[in-house]
């Protein structure tokens, strides 16, 4: 599901934001650049969305982030991206094929 968290406890419940923060603190204790850069789940999301926006444009980055609401500025109402554009961005970022990505739609560069 789109709203499910990636990591879960053994009982199947999604981990909390506090648990994510604790995990990043532990990783930062072992990997100095993680602590120096302030890497967190939010940092990874921001970095990913910035990459998508720079390579595929604002509309696709908005859709990639799940921002499908129309409550923002009027100009965002007209900025749309379909699922195929979003999975093409994912395939380009990961270097892995995606069954919904049309290889000829975007070059990924």
PDB file of N, CA and C in Angstrom:
ATOM      1  N   UNK A   1       0.827  -1.182   0.000  1.00  0.00           N
ATOM      2  CA  UNK A   1       0.000   0.000   0.000  1.00  0.00           C
ATOM      3  C   UNK A   1       0.877   1.253   0.000  1.00  0.00           C
ATOM      4  N   UNK A   2       0.455   2.305  -0.651  1.00  0.00           N
ATOM      5  CA  UNK A   2       1.245   3.524  -0.706  1.00  0.00           C
ATOM      6  C   UNK A   2       1.485   4.166   0.657  1.00  0.00           C
ATOM      7  N   UNK A   3       0.605   3.936   1.625  1.00  0.00           N
ATOM      8  CA  UNK A   3       0.773   4.563   2.927  1.00  0.00           C
ATOM      9  C   UNK A   3       1.537   3.683   3.908  1.00  0.00           C
ATOM     10  N   UNK A   4       1.886   2.455   3.528  1.00  0.00           N
ATOM     11  CA  UNK A   4       2.629   1.563   4.414  1.00  0.00           C
ATOM     12  C   UNK A   4       4.053   2.052   4.581  1.00  0.00           C
ATOM     13  N   UNK A   5       4.572   1.834   5.768  1.00  0.00           N
ATOM     14  CA  UNK A   5       5.975   2.153   6.019  1.00  0.00           C
ATOM     15  C   UNK A   5       6.832   0.992   5.521  1.00  0.00           C
ATOM     16  N   UNK A   6       8.054   1.323   5.142  1.00  0.00           N
ATOM     17  CA  UNK A   6       8.951   0.332   4.562  1.00  0.00           C
ATOM     18  C   UNK A   6       9.357  -0.739   5.566  1.00  0.00           C
ATOM     19  N   UNK A   7       9.774  -0.333   6.736  1.00  0.00           N
ATOM     20  CA  UNK A   7      10.261  -1.287   7.728  1.00  0.00           C
ATOM     21  C   UNK A   7       9.180  -1.586   8.752  1.00  0.00           C
ATOM     22  N   UNK A   8       9.222  -2.821   9.281  1.00  0.00           N
ATOM     23  CA  UNK A   8       8.202  -3.254  10.237  1.00  0.00           C
ATOM     24  C   UNK A   8       8.859  -3.987  11.404  1.00  0.00           C
ATOM     25  N   UNK A   9       8.157  -3.971  12.546  1.00  0.00           N
ATOM     26  CA  UNK A   9       8.564  -4.771  13.685  1.00  0.00           C
ATOM     27  C   UNK A   9       8.253  -6.237  13.385  1.00  0.00           C
ATOM     28  N   UNK A  10       8.756  -7.130  14.216  1.00  0.00           N
ATOM     29  CA  UNK A  10       8.514  -8.569  14.008  1.00  0.00           C
ATOM     30  C   UNK A  10       7.037  -8.927  14.010  1.00  0.00           C
ATOM     31  N   UNK A  11       6.236  -8.158  14.739  1.00  0.00           N
ATOM     32  CA  UNK A  11       4.803  -8.455  14.810  1.00  0.00           C
ATOM     33  C   UNK A  11       4.042  -7.912  13.595  1.00  0.00           C
ATOM     34  N   UNK A  12       4.753  -7.288  12.652  1.00  0.00           N
ATOM     35  CA  UNK A  12       4.126  -6.793  11.438  1.00  0.00           C
ATOM     36  C   UNK A  12       3.715  -5.331  11.482  1.00  0.00           C
ATOM     37  N   UNK A  13       3.770  -4.730  12.657  1.00  0.00           N
ATOM     38  CA  UNK A  13       3.407  -3.322  12.775  1.00  0.00           C
ATOM     39  C   UNK A  13       4.502  -2.450  12.152  1.00  0.00           C
ATOM     40  N   UNK A  14       4.127  -1.357  11.491  1.00  0.00           N
ATOM     41  CA  UNK A  14       5.140  -0.468  10.916  1.00  0.00           C
ATOM     42  C   UNK A  14       5.950   0.218  12.013  1.00  0.00           C
ATOM     43  N   UNK A  15       7.244   0.416  11.767  1.00  0.00           N
ATOM     44  CA  UNK A  15       8.044   1.106  12.777  1.00  0.00           C
ATOM     45  C   UNK A  15       7.639   2.579  12.800  1.00  0.00           C
ATOM     46  N   UNK A  16       7.882   3.194  13.932  1.00  0.00           N
ATOM     47  CA  UNK A  16       7.489   4.582  14.139  1.00  0.00           C
ATOM     48  C   UNK A  16       8.582   5.530  13.650  1.00  0.00           C
ATOM     49  N   UNK A  17       8.247   6.795  13.555  1.00  0.00           N
ATOM     50  CA  UNK A  17       9.244   7.788  13.151  1.00  0.00           C
ATOM     51  C   UNK A  17      10.371   7.860  14.179  1.00  0.00           C
ATOM     52  N   UNK A  18      10.056   7.639  15.455  1.00  0.00           N
ATOM     53  CA  UNK A  18      11.109   7.626  16.489  1.00  0.00           C
ATOM     54  C   UNK A  18      12.080   6.480  16.245  1.00  0.00           C
ATOM     55  N   UNK A  19      11.563   5.336  15.814  1.00  0.00           N
ATOM     56  CA  UNK A  19      12.426   4.182  15.537  1.00  0.00           C
ATOM     57  C   UNK A  19      13.324   4.465  14.331  1.00  0.00           C
ATOM     58  N   UNK A  20      12.762   5.077  13.280  1.00  0.00           N
ATOM     59  CA  UNK A  20      13.585   5.474  12.139  1.00  0.00           C
ATOM     60  C   UNK A  20      14.705   6.403  12.604  1.00  0.00           C
ATOM     61  N   UNK A  21      14.373   7.390  13.424  1.00  0.00           N
ATOM     62  CA  UNK A  21      15.384   8.329  13.924  1.00  0.00           C
ATOM     63  C   UNK A  21      16.470   7.594  14.696  1.00  0.00           C
ATOM     64  N   UNK A  22      16.063   6.634  15.537  1.00  0.00           N
ATOM     65  CA  UNK A  22      17.030   5.857  16.311  1.00  0.00           C
ATOM     66  C   UNK A  22      17.947   5.044  15.383  1.00  0.00           C
ATOM     67  N   UNK A  23      17.376   4.437  14.348  1.00  0.00           N
ATOM     68  CA  UNK A  23      18.186   3.662  13.400  1.00  0.00           C
ATOM     69  C   UNK A  23      19.231   4.539  12.718  1.00  0.00           C
ATOM     70  N   UNK A  24      18.823   5.754  12.297  1.00  0.00           N
ATOM     71  CA  UNK A  24      19.780   6.646  11.641  1.00  0.00           C
ATOM     72  C   UNK A  24      20.870   7.100  12.610  1.00  0.00           C
ATOM     73  N   UNK A  25      20.524   7.284  13.879  1.00  0.00           N
ATOM     74  CA  UNK A  25      21.529   7.650  14.881  1.00  0.00           C
ATOM     75  C   UNK A  25      22.545   6.519  15.031  1.00  0.00           C
ATOM     76  N   UNK A  26      22.065   5.284  15.040  1.00  0.00           N
ATOM     77  CA  UNK A  26      22.963   4.128  15.144  1.00  0.00           C
ATOM     78  C   UNK A  26      23.850   4.011  13.901  1.00  0.00           C
ATOM     79  N   UNK A  27      23.256   4.176  12.727  1.00  0.00           N
ATOM     80  CA  UNK A  27      24.047   4.120  11.489  1.00  0.00           C
ATOM     81  C   UNK A  27      25.107   5.222  11.513  1.00  0.00           C
ATOM     82  N   UNK A  28      24.704   6.436  11.930  1.00  0.00           N
ATOM     83  CA  UNK A  28      25.644   7.551  12.007  1.00  0.00           C
ATOM     84  C   UNK A  28      26.791   7.299  12.965  1.00  0.00           C
ATOM     85  N   UNK A  29      26.557   6.480  13.986  1.00  0.00           N
ATOM     86  CA  UNK A  29      27.628   6.119  14.917  1.00  0.00           C
ATOM     87  C   UNK A  29      28.657   5.200  14.294  1.00  0.00           C
ATOM     88  N   UNK A  30      28.271   4.491  13.245  1.00  0.00           N
ATOM     89  CA  UNK A  30      29.173   3.554  12.578  1.00  0.00           C
ATOM     90  C   UNK A  30      29.733   4.096  11.264  1.00  0.00           C
ATOM     91  N   UNK A  31      28.992   4.986  10.632  1.00  0.00           N
ATOM     92  CA  UNK A  31      29.384   5.526   9.331  1.00  0.00           C
ATOM     93  C   UNK A  31      29.501   7.043   9.472  1.00  0.00           C
ATOM     94  N   UNK A  32      30.727   7.554   9.607  1.00  0.00           N
ATOM     95  CA  UNK A  32      30.917   8.972   9.924  1.00  0.00           C
ATOM     96  C   UNK A  32      30.232   9.950   8.966  1.00  0.00           C
ATOM     97  N   UNK A  33      30.213   9.660   7.660  1.00  0.00           N
ATOM     98  CA  UNK A  33      29.615  10.616   6.737  1.00  0.00           C
ATOM     99  C   UNK A  33      28.105  10.715   6.916  1.00  0.00           C
ATOM    100  N   UNK A  34      27.468   9.661   7.422  1.00  0.00           N
ATOM    101  CA  UNK A  34      26.025   9.715   7.687  1.00  0.00           C
ATOM    102  C   UNK A  34      25.755  10.752   8.776  1.00  0.00           C
ATOM    103  N   UNK A  35      26.548  10.716   9.838  1.00  0.00           N
ATOM    104  CA  UNK A  35      26.393  11.693  10.921  1.00  0.00           C
ATOM    105  C   UNK A  35      26.765  13.090  10.434  1.00  0.00           C
ATOM    106  N   UNK A  36      27.859  13.201   9.668  1.00  0.00           N
ATOM    107  CA  UNK A  36      28.320  14.515   9.197  1.00  0.00           C
ATOM    108  C   UNK A  36      27.309  15.176   8.270  1.00  0.00           C
ATOM    109  N   UNK A  37      26.628  14.384   7.441  1.00  0.00           N
ATOM    110  CA  UNK A  37      25.652  14.920   6.497  1.00  0.00           C
ATOM    111  C   UNK A  37      24.258  15.053   7.101  1.00  0.00           C
ATOM    112  N   UNK A  38      24.068  14.511   8.292  1.00  0.00           N
ATOM    113  CA  UNK A  38      22.753  14.565   8.923  1.00  0.00           C
ATOM    114  C   UNK A  38      21.721  13.716   8.196  1.00  0.00           C
ATOM    115  N   UNK A  39      22.160  12.563   7.704  1.00  0.00           N
ATOM    116  CA  UNK A  39      21.263  11.690   6.946  1.00  0.00           C
ATOM    117  C   UNK A  39      20.127  11.216   7.845  1.00  0.00           C
ATOM    118  N   UNK A  40      18.931  11.284   7.283  1.00  0.00           N
ATOM    119  CA  UNK A  40      17.722  10.814   7.962  1.00  0.00           C
ATOM    120  C   UNK A  40      16.753  10.336   6.883  1.00  0.00           C
ATOM    121  N   UNK A  41      15.640   9.800   7.300  1.00  0.00           N
ATOM    122  CA  UNK A  41      14.638   9.380   6.331  1.00  0.00           C
ATOM    123  C   UNK A  41      14.154  10.579   5.529  1.00  0.00           C
ATOM    124  N   UNK A  42      13.957  11.706   6.205  1.00  0.00           N
ATOM    125  CA  UNK A  42      13.530  12.924   5.509  1.00  0.00           C
ATOM    126  C   UNK A  42      14.597  13.389   4.515  1.00  0.00           C
ATOM    127  N   UNK A  43      15.864  13.306   4.907  1.00  0.00           N
ATOM    128  CA  UNK A  43      16.981  13.704   4.046  1.00  0.00           C
ATOM    129  C   UNK A  43      16.983  12.850   2.780  1.00  0.00           C
ATOM    130  N   UNK A  44      16.774  11.532   2.927  1.00  0.00           N
ATOM    131  CA  UNK A  44      16.738  10.642   1.765  1.00  0.00           C
ATOM    132  C   UNK A  44      15.573  10.990   0.842  1.00  0.00           C
ATOM    133  N   UNK A  45      14.409  11.284   1.418  1.00  0.00           N
ATOM    134  CA  UNK A  45      13.248  11.666   0.617  1.00  0.00           C
ATOM    135  C   UNK A  45      13.525  12.955  -0.140  1.00  0.00           C
ATOM    136  N   UNK A  46      14.066  13.942   0.562  1.00  0.00           N
ATOM    137  CA  UNK A  46      14.376  15.227  -0.073  1.00  0.00           C
ATOM    138  C   UNK A  46      15.385  15.045  -1.209  1.00  0.00           C
ATOM    139  N   UNK A  47      16.441  14.285  -0.955  1.00  0.00           N
ATOM    140  CA  UNK A  47      17.478  14.058  -1.964  1.00  0.00           C
ATOM    141  C   UNK A  47      16.902  13.324  -3.177  1.00  0.00           C
ATOM    142  N   UNK A  48      16.083  12.321  -2.929  1.00  0.00           N
ATOM    143  CA  UNK A  48      15.458  11.563  -4.015  1.00  0.00           C
ATOM    144  C   UNK A  48      14.554  12.458  -4.851  1.00  0.00           C
ATOM    145  N   UNK A  49      13.711  13.235  -4.190  1.00  0.00           N
ATOM    146  CA  UNK A  49      12.786  14.103  -4.920  1.00  0.00           C
ATOM    147  C   UNK A  49      13.511  15.203  -5.680  1.00  0.00           C
ATOM    148  N   UNK A  50      14.612  15.695  -5.131  1.00  0.00           N
ATOM    149  CA  UNK A  50      15.420  16.689  -5.842  1.00  0.00           C
ATOM    150  C   UNK A  50      15.988  16.081  -7.117  1.00  0.00           C
ATOM    151  N   UNK A  51      16.491  14.848  -7.027  1.00  0.00           N
ATOM    152  CA  UNK A  51      17.038  14.174  -8.212  1.00  0.00           C
ATOM    153  C   UNK A  51      15.955  13.988  -9.267  1.00  0.00           C
ATOM    154  N   UNK A  52      14.787  13.508  -8.840  1.00  0.00           N
ATOM    155  CA  UNK A  52      13.693  13.289  -9.785  1.00  0.00           C
ATOM    156  C   UNK A  52      13.292  14.611 -10.441  1.00  0.00           C
ATOM    157  N   UNK A  53      13.181  15.668  -9.647  1.00  0.00           N
ATOM    158  CA  UNK A  53      12.790  16.975 -10.201  1.00  0.00           C
ATOM    159  C   UNK A  53      13.812  17.463 -11.223  1.00  0.00           C
ATOM    160  N   UNK A  54      15.087  17.331 -10.934  1.00  0.00           N
ATOM    161  CA  UNK A  54      16.131  17.819 -11.844  1.00  0.00           C
ATOM    162  C   UNK A  54      16.228  17.013 -13.128  1.00  0.00           C
ATOM    163  N   UNK A  55      15.909  15.720 -13.046  1.00  0.00           N
ATOM    164  CA  UNK A  55      16.015  14.879 -14.230  1.00  0.00           C
ATOM    165  C   UNK A  55      14.711  14.740 -15.016  1.00  0.00           C
ATOM    166  N   UNK A  56      13.568  14.890 -14.342  1.00  0.00           N
ATOM    167  CA  UNK A  56      12.285  14.639 -14.996  1.00  0.00           C
ATOM    168  C   UNK A  56      11.291  15.785 -14.899  1.00  0.00           C
ATOM    169  N   UNK A  57      11.585  16.788 -14.093  1.00  0.00           N
ATOM    170  CA  UNK A  57      10.712  17.948 -13.998  1.00  0.00           C
ATOM    171  C   UNK A  57       9.848  17.958 -12.750  1.00  0.00           C
ATOM    172  N   UNK A  58       9.303  19.137 -12.512  1.00  0.00           N
ATOM    173  CA  UNK A  58       8.531  19.394 -11.302  1.00  0.00           C
ATOM    174  C   UNK A  58       7.277  18.525 -11.197  1.00  0.00           C
ATOM    175  N   UNK A  59       6.546  18.397 -12.274  1.00  0.00           N
ATOM    176  CA  UNK A  59       5.301  17.624 -12.234  1.00  0.00           C
ATOM    177  C   UNK A  59       5.522  16.176 -11.865  1.00  0.00           C
ATOM    178  N   UNK A  60       6.550  15.575 -12.422  1.00  0.00           N
ATOM    179  CA  UNK A  60       6.837  14.175 -12.121  1.00  0.00           C
ATOM    180  C   UNK A  60       7.339  14.036 -10.685  1.00  0.00           C
ATOM    181  N   UNK A  61       8.145  14.991 -10.225  1.00  0.00           N
ATOM    182  CA  UNK A  61       8.610  14.952  -8.831  1.00  0.00           C
ATOM    183  C   UNK A  61       7.428  15.071  -7.872  1.00  0.00           C
ATOM    184  N   UNK A  62       6.471  15.924  -8.195  1.00  0.00           N
ATOM    185  CA  UNK A  62       5.264  16.054  -7.355  1.00  0.00           C
ATOM    186  C   UNK A  62       4.511  14.733  -7.279  1.00  0.00           C
ATOM    187  N   UNK A  63       4.320  14.100  -8.412  1.00  0.00           N
ATOM    188  CA  UNK A  63       3.618  12.816  -8.432  1.00  0.00           C
ATOM    189  C   UNK A  63       4.438  11.736  -7.729  1.00  0.00           C
ATOM    190  N   UNK A  64       5.745  11.739  -7.939  1.00  0.00           N
ATOM    191  CA  UNK A  64       6.632  10.766  -7.296  1.00  0.00           C
ATOM    192  C   UNK A  64       6.508  10.862  -5.778  1.00  0.00           C
ATOM    193  N   UNK A  65       6.365  12.087  -5.290  1.00  0.00           N
ATOM    194  CA  UNK A  65       6.240  12.321  -3.848  1.00  0.00           C
ATOM    195  C   UNK A  65       4.851  11.987  -3.327  1.00  0.00           C
ATOM    196  N   UNK A  66       3.919  11.743  -4.237  1.00  0.00           N
ATOM    197  CA  UNK A  66       2.554  11.460  -3.821  1.00  0.00           C
ATOM    198  C   UNK A  66       1.728  12.706  -3.617  1.00  0.00           C
ATOM    199  N   UNK A  67       2.216  13.846  -4.100  1.00  0.00           N
ATOM    200  CA  UNK A  67       1.486  15.104  -3.970  1.00  0.00           C
ATOM    201  C   UNK A  67       0.488  15.219  -5.113  1.00  0.00           C
ATOM    202  N   UNK A  68      -0.653  14.636  -4.905  1.00  0.00           N
ATOM    203  CA  UNK A  68      -1.673  14.628  -5.949  1.00  0.00           C
ATOM    204  C   UNK A  68      -2.828  15.554  -5.628  1.00  0.00           C
ATOM    205  N   UNK A  69      -2.720  16.261  -4.510  1.00  0.00           N
ATOM    206  CA  UNK A  69      -3.795  17.176  -4.140  1.00  0.00           C
ATOM    207  C   UNK A  69      -3.788  18.405  -5.045  1.00  0.00           C
ATOM    208  N   UNK A  70      -4.871  19.117  -5.053  1.00  0.00           N
ATOM    209  CA  UNK A  70      -4.961  20.324  -5.868  1.00  0.00           C
ATOM    210  C   UNK A  70      -5.202  21.545  -5.001  1.00  0.00           C
ATOM    211  N   UNK A  71      -4.752  21.496  -3.750  1.00  0.00           N
ATOM    212  CA  UNK A  71      -4.985  22.599  -2.824  1.00  0.00           C
ATOM    213  C   UNK A  71      -3.867  23.628  -2.832  1.00  0.00           C
ATOM    214  N   UNK A  72      -2.831  23.400  -3.630  1.00  0.00           N
ATOM    215  CA  UNK A  72      -1.708  24.323  -3.677  1.00  0.00           C
ATOM    216  C   UNK A  72      -2.001  25.500  -4.585  1.00  0.00           C
ATOM    217  N   UNK A  73      -0.937  26.212  -4.975  1.00  0.00           N
ATOM    218  CA  UNK A  73      -1.106  27.335  -5.884  1.00  0.00           C
ATOM    219  C   UNK A  73      -1.800  26.901  -7.174  1.00  0.00           C
ATOM    220  N   UNK A  74      -2.471  27.823  -7.817  1.00  0.00           N
ATOM    221  CA  UNK A  74      -3.255  27.496  -9.015  1.00  0.00           C
ATOM    222  C   UNK A  74      -2.411  26.825 -10.090  1.00  0.00           C
ATOM    223  N   UNK A  75      -1.154  27.210 -10.213  1.00  0.00           N
ATOM    224  CA  UNK A  75      -0.328  26.623 -11.273  1.00  0.00           C
ATOM    225  C   UNK A  75      -0.095  25.137 -11.066  1.00  0.00           C
ATOM    226  N   UNK A  76      -0.090  24.668  -9.816  1.00  0.00           N
ATOM    227  CA  UNK A  76       0.140  23.237  -9.593  1.00  0.00           C
ATOM    228  C   UNK A  76      -1.062  22.406 -10.015  1.00  0.00           C
ATOM    229  N   UNK A  77      -2.209  23.021 -10.155  1.00  0.00           N
ATOM    230  CA  UNK A  77      -3.397  22.306 -10.613  1.00  0.00           C
ATOM    231  C   UNK A  77      -3.181  21.731 -12.008  1.00  0.00           C
ATOM    232  N   UNK A  78      -2.410  22.417 -12.819  1.00  0.00           N
ATOM    233  CA  UNK A  78      -2.207  22.001 -14.208  1.00  0.00           C
ATOM    234  C   UNK A  78      -0.976  21.135 -14.403  1.00  0.00           C
ATOM    235  N   UNK A  79      -0.211  20.931 -13.354  1.00  0.00           N
ATOM    236  CA  UNK A  79       1.006  20.133 -13.449  1.00  0.00           C
ATOM    237  C   UNK A  79       0.666  18.717 -13.023  1.00  0.00           C
ATOM    238  N   UNK A  80       0.678  17.809 -13.980  1.00  0.00           N
ATOM    239  CA  UNK A  80       0.301  16.427 -13.719  1.00  0.00           C
ATOM    240  C   UNK A  80       1.353  15.488 -14.313  1.00  0.00           C
ATOM    241  N   UNK A  81       1.474  14.329 -13.720  1.00  0.00           N
ATOM    242  CA  UNK A  81       2.319  13.277 -14.269  1.00  0.00           C
ATOM    243  C   UNK A  81       1.571  11.961 -14.100  1.00  0.00           C
ATOM    244  N   UNK A  82       1.633  11.129 -15.114  1.00  0.00           N
ATOM    245  CA  UNK A  82       0.952   9.846 -14.995  1.00  0.00           C
ATOM    246  C   UNK A  82       1.875   8.807 -14.361  1.00  0.00           C
ATOM    247  N   UNK A  83       1.313   7.668 -14.053  1.00  0.00           N
ATOM    248  CA  UNK A  83       2.058   6.602 -13.390  1.00  0.00           C
ATOM    249  C   UNK A  83       3.262   6.166 -14.208  1.00  0.00           C
ATOM    250  N   UNK A  84       3.122   6.118 -15.523  1.00  0.00           N
ATOM    251  CA  UNK A  84       4.237   5.680 -16.373  1.00  0.00           C
ATOM    252  C   UNK A  84       5.425   6.631 -16.281  1.00  0.00           C
ATOM    253  N   UNK A  85       5.176   7.912 -16.150  1.00  0.00           N
ATOM    254  CA  UNK A  85       6.263   8.888 -15.994  1.00  0.00           C
ATOM    255  C   UNK A  85       6.963   8.701 -14.654  1.00  0.00           C
ATOM    256  N   UNK A  86       6.201   8.413 -13.609  1.00  0.00           N
ATOM    257  CA  UNK A  86       6.784   8.219 -12.282  1.00  0.00           C
ATOM    258  C   UNK A  86       7.642   6.956 -12.252  1.00  0.00           C
ATOM    259  N   UNK A  87       7.149   5.846 -12.821  1.00  0.00           N
ATOM    260  CA  UNK A  87       7.952   4.621 -12.802  1.00  0.00           C
ATOM    261  C   UNK A  87       9.155   4.725 -13.732  1.00  0.00           C
ATOM    262  N   UNK A  88       9.067   5.535 -14.776  1.00  0.00           N
ATOM    263  CA  UNK A  88      10.244   5.772 -15.622  1.00  0.00           C
ATOM    264  C   UNK A  88      11.328   6.483 -14.818  1.00  0.00           C
ATOM    265  N   UNK A  89      10.925   7.423 -13.975  1.00  0.00           N
ATOM    266  CA  UNK A  89      11.889   8.108 -13.109  1.00  0.00           C
ATOM    267  C   UNK A  89      12.506   7.127 -12.125  1.00  0.00           C
ATOM    268  N   UNK A  90      11.681   6.260 -11.546  1.00  0.00           N
ATOM    269  CA  UNK A  90      12.190   5.256 -10.612  1.00  0.00           C
ATOM    270  C   UNK A  90      13.176   4.320 -11.304  1.00  0.00           C
ATOM    271  N   UNK A  91      12.842   3.867 -12.500  1.00  0.00           N
ATOM    272  CA  UNK A  91      13.737   2.969 -13.243  1.00  0.00           C
ATOM    273  C   UNK A  91      15.055   3.664 -13.580  1.00  0.00           C
ATOM    274  N   UNK A  92      14.998   4.936 -13.949  1.00  0.00           N
ATOM    275  CA  UNK A  92      16.223   5.668 -14.266  1.00  0.00           C
ATOM    276  C   UNK A  92      17.083   5.867 -13.031  1.00  0.00           C
ATOM    277  N   UNK A  93      16.458   6.162 -11.892  1.00  0.00           N
ATOM    278  CA  UNK A  93      17.209   6.409 -10.671  1.00  0.00           C
ATOM    279  C   UNK A  93      17.874   5.144 -10.162  1.00  0.00           C
ATOM    280  N   UNK A  94      17.180   4.015 -10.232  1.00  0.00           N
ATOM    281  CA  UNK A  94      17.718   2.770  -9.685  1.00  0.00           C
ATOM    282  C   UNK A  94      18.555   1.986 -10.684  1.00  0.00           C
ATOM    283  N   UNK A  95      18.401   2.315 -11.979  1.00  0.00           N
ATOM    284  CA  UNK A  95      19.110   1.546 -12.998  1.00  0.00           C
ATOM    285  C   UNK A  95      18.502   0.170 -13.204  1.00  0.00           C
ATOM    286  N   UNK A  96      17.285  -0.032 -12.701  1.00  0.00           N
ATOM    287  CA  UNK A  96      16.606  -1.314 -12.806  1.00  0.00           C
ATOM    288  C   UNK A  96      15.344  -1.152 -13.649  1.00  0.00           C
ATOM    289  N   UNK A  97      15.038  -2.122 -14.496  1.00  0.00           N
ATOM    290  CA  UNK A  97      13.817  -2.020 -15.293  1.00  0.00           C
ATOM    291  C   UNK A  97      12.578  -2.101 -14.409  1.00  0.00           C
ATOM    292  N   UNK A  98      11.538  -1.462 -14.845  1.00  0.00           N
ATOM    293  CA  UNK A  98      10.254  -1.535 -14.151  1.00  0.00           C
ATOM    294  C   UNK A  98       9.211  -1.939 -15.182  1.00  0.00           C
ATOM    295  N   UNK A  99       8.340  -2.877 -14.866  1.00  0.00           N
ATOM    296  CA  UNK A  99       7.395  -3.367 -15.871  1.00  0.00           C
ATOM    297  C   UNK A  99       6.440  -2.301 -16.411  1.00  0.00           C
ATOM    298  N   UNK A 100       6.219  -1.227 -15.666  1.00  0.00           N
ATOM    299  CA  UNK A 100       5.323  -0.181 -16.141  1.00  0.00           C
ATOM    300  C   UNK A 100       6.055   0.952 -16.860  1.00  0.00           C
ATOM    301  N   UNK A 101       7.385   0.938 -16.826  1.00  0.00           N
ATOM    302  CA  UNK A 101       8.169   2.011 -17.450  1.00  0.00           C
ATOM    303  C   UNK A 101       8.284   1.763 -18.952  1.00  0.00           C
ATOM    304  N   UNK A 102       7.944   2.774 -19.722  1.00  0.00           N
ATOM    305  CA  UNK A 102       8.130   2.705 -21.174  1.00  0.00           C
ATOM    306  C   UNK A 102       9.536   3.225 -21.454  1.00  0.00           C
ATOM    307  N   UNK A 103      10.417   2.348 -21.859  1.00  0.00           N
ATOM    308  CA  UNK A 103      11.831   2.685 -22.034  1.00  0.00           C
ATOM    309  C   UNK A 103      12.056   3.840 -22.989  1.00  0.00           C
ATOM    310  N   UNK A 104      11.170   4.025 -23.935  1.00  0.00           N
ATOM    311  CA  UNK A 104      11.417   5.054 -24.943  1.00  0.00           C
ATOM    312  C   UNK A 104      10.862   6.431 -24.543  1.00  0.00           C
ATOM    313  N   UNK A 105      10.183   6.554 -23.399  1.00  0.00           N
ATOM    314  CA  UNK A 105       9.583   7.833 -23.022  1.00  0.00           C
ATOM    315  C   UNK A 105      10.587   8.827 -22.480  1.00  0.00           C
ATOM    316  N   UNK A 106      11.547   8.358 -21.663  1.00  0.00           N
ATOM    317  CA  UNK A 106      12.512   9.255 -21.049  1.00  0.00           C
ATOM    318  C   UNK A 106      13.901   8.632 -21.141  1.00  0.00           C
ATOM    319  N   UNK A 107      14.884   9.476 -21.283  1.00  0.00           N
ATOM    320  CA  UNK A 107      16.251   8.972 -21.327  1.00  0.00           C
ATOM    321  C   UNK A 107      16.832   8.827 -19.953  1.00  0.00           C
ATOM    322  N   UNK A 108      16.275   9.541 -18.942  1.00  0.00           N
ATOM    323  CA  UNK A 108      16.789   9.446 -17.575  1.00  0.00           C
ATOM    324  C   UNK A 108      18.004  10.301 -17.336  1.00  0.00           C
ATOM    325  N   UNK A 109      18.374  11.147 -18.270  1.00  0.00           N
ATOM    326  CA  UNK A 109      19.548  11.986 -18.040  1.00  0.00           C
ATOM    327  C   UNK A 109      19.168  13.429 -17.965  1.00  0.00           C
TER     328      UNK A 109
END
